[in-house]
Amino acid sequence: MLVAAFFYLSFSKFFTVSSNSPDTSLSRLSHFDPRQIPVESVDSHLPAVPLASLQPAALRQRFASPPVWAPELLAEKQFLDRPPMHASVLVPIVMREQPTVLLTERTMHLSTHSGQIAFPGGKADEGDADASATALREAQEEVGLDPAFVQVLGVLPHYVTGSAFIITPVIALVQPGFTLTPNAHEVADVFEVPLEFLMNPAHHQRHAFEWEGVRREWFAMPYQDDVMQRFIWGATAGILRNFYRLLSAA
């Protein structure tokens, strides 16, 4: 299972409800395109994380001796009344000359969150030793990433989605030379985005609107590669924003 963006949204200008259920989360809405929601602001006033701080040695040191810092985003507005479920995602930083983050695009035929950008990850199994074990197992099942190429650095604080997933983001370094075999049912594409791009708030867009008296907000980090625009948003962007806060802390 891929953990992507989970929001409770309903805005007739941009999409229509595909069910008579009172649950109008994005998983139950058709024709929703988050790119159509206007950008409220871009955080270009915040400093980018220097490239030197994104190198493997610097990242290892940051997790070995973390600064005092606080995540910016901890929980989305809940839209499902159900018991919480623990999940983990792997934030795989590929140790290229300029480090990149490995991301996936969900297949379009999936019933929920089709076509969205996500980290590999999913629900914890009883047999998983810890959150890192969950993330490594899911990454191997989804994209075929061999754990032998992965060095876990640490975890970020929990990120709670509106659908009651308590996500543990597991930050890891990935040695180049791996071969991927994506699960064709769940994964349409696997691609990499420069970490330097994602850790620059000039690329962090803020989106928001009000519906039925409730303000909904999220980040987006659109990235144009050689193939298409990769619209990174929701929980995926929120976790990356928290990672930025860790790396930019004094």
Protein backbone atom coordinates (compact mmCIF):
# COMPACT_ATOMS: atom_id res chain seq x y z
CA MET A 1 0.00 0.00 0.00
CA LEU A 2 1.32 3.47 -0.82
CA VAL A 3 0.65 6.27 1.62
CA ALA A 4 -0.09 9.39 -0.37
CA ALA A 5 -2.13 12.52 0.33
CA PHE A 6 -5.22 12.17 2.52
CA PHE A 7 -7.53 15.17 2.74
CA TYR A 8 -11.19 15.88 3.31
CA LEU A 9 -12.18 18.16 0.45
CA SER A 10 -15.31 19.15 -1.44
CA PHE A 11 -15.37 22.11 -3.83
CA SER A 12 -17.85 21.97 -6.69
CA LYS A 13 -15.93 24.40 -8.89
CA PHE A 14 -13.17 21.82 -9.27
CA PHE A 15 -14.75 18.39 -8.85
CA THR A 16 -17.91 16.42 -8.26
CA VAL A 17 -18.78 13.94 -5.54
CA SER A 18 -18.87 10.38 -6.85
CA SER A 19 -20.81 8.90 -3.94
CA ASN A 20 -23.82 9.76 -1.81
CA SER A 21 -21.77 9.00 1.28
CA PRO A 22 -21.15 11.93 3.65
CA ASP A 23 -17.44 11.05 3.48
CA THR A 24 -16.11 13.43 0.82
CA SER A 25 -12.42 12.65 1.18
CA LEU A 26 -10.40 12.80 -2.02
CA SER A 27 -10.59 9.02 -2.30
CA ARG A 28 -14.34 9.39 -2.95
CA LEU A 29 -14.23 12.35 -5.32
CA SER A 30 -13.92 12.32 -9.08
CA HIS A 31 -12.24 14.87 -11.34
CA PHE A 32 -10.21 16.41 -8.52
CA ASP A 33 -7.01 18.11 -9.61
CA PRO A 34 -5.09 19.82 -6.79
CA ARG A 35 -3.19 21.87 -9.38
CA GLN A 36 -6.41 23.79 -10.04
CA ILE A 37 -6.52 25.11 -6.48
CA PRO A 38 -4.84 28.55 -6.54
CA VAL A 39 -1.44 29.05 -4.95
CA GLU A 40 -1.77 31.31 -1.92
CA SER A 41 1.94 31.94 -1.42
CA VAL A 42 5.44 30.56 -1.93
CA ASP A 43 7.98 30.49 0.90
CA SER A 44 10.82 32.06 -1.08
CA HIS A 45 11.72 34.20 1.94
CA LEU A 46 13.02 31.14 3.81
CA PRO A 47 16.63 29.99 3.28
CA ALA A 48 17.41 26.90 1.24
CA VAL A 49 19.39 24.09 2.83
CA PRO A 50 22.96 24.35 1.44
CA LEU A 51 24.06 21.55 -0.87
CA ALA A 52 26.90 20.70 1.51
CA SER A 53 24.34 19.92 4.22
CA LEU A 54 22.60 17.44 1.91
CA GLN A 55 25.63 15.20 1.41
CA PRO A 56 25.63 11.76 3.05
CA ALA A 57 28.18 12.62 5.76
CA ALA A 58 26.27 15.75 6.75
CA LEU A 59 22.97 13.87 6.85
CA ARG A 60 24.48 11.14 9.02
CA GLN A 61 25.81 13.79 11.41
CA ARG A 62 22.46 15.57 11.55
CA PHE A 63 20.72 12.40 12.75
CA ALA A 64 23.60 11.41 15.04
CA SER A 65 23.50 14.81 16.78
CA PRO A 66 20.15 16.41 15.97
CA PRO A 67 19.51 20.06 16.82
CA VAL A 68 16.58 21.34 18.82
CA TRP A 69 13.79 21.61 16.26
CA ALA A 70 10.05 21.18 15.84
CA PRO A 71 8.06 19.76 12.90
CA GLU A 72 5.80 22.25 11.17
CA LEU A 73 3.08 19.75 10.31
CA LEU A 74 1.83 17.01 12.62
CA ALA A 75 -1.75 16.17 11.67
CA GLU A 76 -4.33 16.79 8.97
CA LYS A 77 -7.97 17.47 9.70
CA GLN A 78 -9.55 14.08 10.32
CA PHE A 79 -12.33 13.00 7.97
CA LEU A 80 -12.76 9.34 8.94
CA ASP A 81 -14.03 8.14 12.29
CA ARG A 82 -12.11 4.91 12.73
CA PRO A 83 -9.35 3.53 14.96
CA PRO A 84 -5.90 4.85 14.01
CA MET A 85 -3.55 2.58 12.06
CA HIS A 86 0.24 2.70 12.16
CA ALA A 87 2.16 2.92 8.91
CA SER A 88 5.66 3.79 7.75
CA VAL A 89 7.08 5.36 4.63
CA LEU A 90 10.65 5.21 3.41
CA VAL A 91 12.20 8.54 2.40
CA PRO A 92 14.98 7.11 0.21
CA ILE A 93 17.85 9.55 -0.46
CA VAL A 94 19.92 8.19 -3.32
CA MET A 95 23.60 9.04 -2.81
CA ARG A 96 24.34 10.42 -6.25
CA GLU A 97 26.79 13.28 -6.87
CA GLN A 98 23.80 15.51 -6.19
CA PRO A 99 21.54 13.50 -3.84
CA THR A 100 18.01 12.70 -4.97
CA VAL A 101 14.81 11.43 -3.36
CA LEU A 102 13.20 8.31 -4.84
CA LEU A 103 9.44 8.71 -5.29
CA THR A 104 6.64 6.72 -6.89
CA GLU A 105 3.52 7.49 -8.88
CA ARG A 106 0.47 5.38 -8.12
CA THR A 107 -1.31 3.63 -10.97
CA MET A 108 -4.45 5.27 -12.35
CA HIS A 109 -6.70 2.23 -11.91
CA LEU A 110 -6.42 2.15 -8.11
CA SER A 111 -9.65 2.95 -6.31
CA THR A 112 -8.02 5.51 -4.00
CA HIS A 113 -5.38 8.20 -4.56
CA SER A 114 -4.78 7.09 -8.14
CA GLY A 115 -1.99 8.89 -9.96
CA GLN A 116 -0.64 10.56 -6.85
CA ILE A 117 3.02 10.96 -5.91
CA ALA A 118 4.06 9.01 -2.82
CA PHE A 119 6.89 7.52 -0.84
CA PRO A 120 7.02 3.73 -0.78
CA GLY A 121 5.36 2.61 2.42
CA GLY A 122 2.30 1.15 4.03
CA LYS A 123 0.63 -0.35 7.07
CA ALA A 124 2.66 -2.04 9.77
CA ASP A 125 2.46 -5.82 9.98
CA GLU A 126 2.54 -7.73 13.26
CA GLY A 127 5.82 -9.32 12.21
CA ASP A 128 7.60 -5.99 11.67
CA ALA A 129 10.20 -5.33 14.36
CA ASP A 130 9.75 -1.56 14.20
CA ALA A 131 8.81 1.33 11.92
CA SER A 132 12.03 1.01 9.96
CA ALA A 133 11.35 -2.66 9.30
CA THR A 134 7.90 -1.74 7.97
CA ALA A 135 9.33 0.89 5.62
CA LEU A 136 12.07 -1.42 4.31
CA ARG A 137 9.64 -4.29 3.76
CA GLU A 138 7.12 -2.11 1.96
CA ALA A 139 9.79 -0.53 -0.25
CA GLN A 140 11.00 -3.97 -1.29
CA GLU A 141 7.44 -5.18 -1.97
CA GLU A 142 6.40 -2.08 -3.92
CA VAL A 143 9.43 -1.13 -5.97
CA GLY A 144 11.87 -4.01 -5.40
CA LEU A 145 14.41 -1.92 -3.48
CA ASP A 146 16.85 -4.38 -1.88
CA PRO A 147 17.42 -3.46 1.81
CA ALA A 148 21.10 -4.29 1.33
CA PHE A 149 21.42 -0.95 -0.50
CA VAL A 150 19.69 1.01 2.28
CA GLN A 151 21.12 2.61 5.41
CA VAL A 152 18.47 3.93 7.80
CA LEU A 153 19.49 7.23 9.41
CA GLY A 154 16.51 7.78 11.68
CA VAL A 155 12.88 8.79 11.76
CA LEU A 156 10.88 12.01 11.74
CA PRO A 157 7.98 12.67 14.13
CA HIS A 158 4.68 11.01 13.32
CA TYR A 159 2.52 12.54 10.61
CA VAL A 160 -1.18 11.79 11.11
CA THR A 161 -3.35 11.79 8.00
CA GLY A 162 -7.01 12.70 7.81
CA SER A 163 -7.78 9.03 7.25
CA ALA A 164 -6.28 8.12 10.65
CA PHE A 165 -2.95 6.74 9.49
CA ILE A 166 -0.16 7.45 11.97
CA ILE A 167 2.80 7.60 9.60
CA THR A 168 6.41 7.25 10.68
CA PRO A 169 8.72 8.73 8.01
CA VAL A 170 11.95 6.71 7.90
CA ILE A 171 14.88 8.66 6.44
CA ALA A 172 17.46 6.50 4.69
CA LEU A 173 20.48 6.69 2.40
CA VAL A 174 20.43 4.48 -0.69
CA GLN A 175 23.62 3.31 -2.36
CA PRO A 176 23.46 3.65 -6.19
CA GLY A 177 23.60 0.46 -8.23
CA PHE A 178 20.25 -0.96 -7.14
CA THR A 179 17.77 -2.48 -9.60
CA LEU A 180 14.08 -1.78 -9.16
CA THR A 181 11.16 -4.07 -10.01
CA PRO A 182 8.01 -2.02 -9.31
CA ASN A 183 4.74 -3.74 -8.46
CA ALA A 184 2.83 -3.07 -11.68
CA HIS A 185 -0.54 -3.14 -9.92
CA GLU A 186 0.32 -0.29 -7.55
CA VAL A 187 3.21 1.63 -9.12
CA ALA A 188 2.97 3.39 -12.48
CA ASP A 189 6.38 5.03 -12.31
CA VAL A 190 9.44 5.45 -10.11
CA PHE A 191 11.51 8.60 -10.45
CA GLU A 192 14.00 10.77 -8.59
CA VAL A 193 13.86 14.43 -7.61
CA PRO A 194 16.96 16.39 -6.54
CA LEU A 195 17.02 16.74 -2.76
CA GLU A 196 18.37 20.27 -3.21
CA PHE A 197 15.17 21.21 -5.08
CA LEU A 198 12.93 19.79 -2.36
CA MET A 199 14.88 21.46 0.44
CA ASN A 200 14.49 24.90 -1.11
CA PRO A 201 11.34 26.65 0.20
CA ALA A 202 11.22 28.74 -2.97
CA HIS A 203 9.63 25.58 -4.42
CA HIS A 204 7.16 25.13 -1.54
CA GLN A 205 3.72 26.31 -2.60
CA ARG A 206 0.92 26.90 -0.10
CA HIS A 207 -2.61 26.01 -1.24
CA ALA A 208 -5.78 26.66 0.74
CA PHE A 209 -9.51 27.25 0.51
CA GLU A 210 -12.51 27.26 2.80
CA TRP A 211 -15.42 24.85 2.50
CA GLU A 212 -18.41 24.75 4.85
CA GLY A 213 -16.61 27.07 7.22
CA VAL A 214 -13.45 24.95 7.49
CA ARG A 215 -10.13 26.07 6.05
CA ARG A 216 -8.15 23.35 4.24
CA GLU A 217 -4.43 23.83 3.66
CA TRP A 218 -1.57 21.86 2.10
CA PHE A 219 1.87 22.22 0.55
CA ALA A 220 2.81 21.39 -3.02
CA MET A 221 6.26 21.08 -4.60
CA PRO A 222 5.80 20.76 -8.38
CA TYR A 223 8.92 19.46 -10.13
CA GLN A 224 9.45 19.42 -13.89
CA ASP A 225 11.72 16.61 -15.07
CA ASP A 226 12.53 15.39 -18.57
CA VAL A 227 9.22 13.50 -18.76
CA MET A 228 6.51 15.59 -17.11
CA GLN A 229 5.62 17.77 -14.17
CA ARG A 230 5.63 15.75 -10.93
CA PHE A 231 3.05 17.36 -8.68
CA ILE A 232 4.20 16.49 -5.16
CA TRP A 233 1.61 17.53 -2.61
CA GLY A 234 -0.38 16.60 0.48
CA ALA A 235 1.15 14.20 2.99
CA THR A 236 4.20 13.58 0.79
CA ALA A 237 4.96 17.31 0.61
CA GLY A 238 4.13 17.71 4.30
CA ILE A 239 6.70 15.11 5.30
CA LEU A 240 9.30 16.76 3.06
CA ARG A 241 8.50 20.11 4.66
CA ASN A 242 9.17 18.64 8.11
CA PHE A 243 12.44 17.22 6.79
CA TYR A 244 13.34 20.72 5.61
CA ARG A 245 12.67 22.03 9.12
CA LEU A 246 15.05 19.44 10.59
CA LEU A 247 17.84 20.17 8.11
CA SER A 248 17.48 23.96 8.32
CA ALA A 249 17.44 24.11 12.12
CA ALA A 250 20.44 25.87 13.66
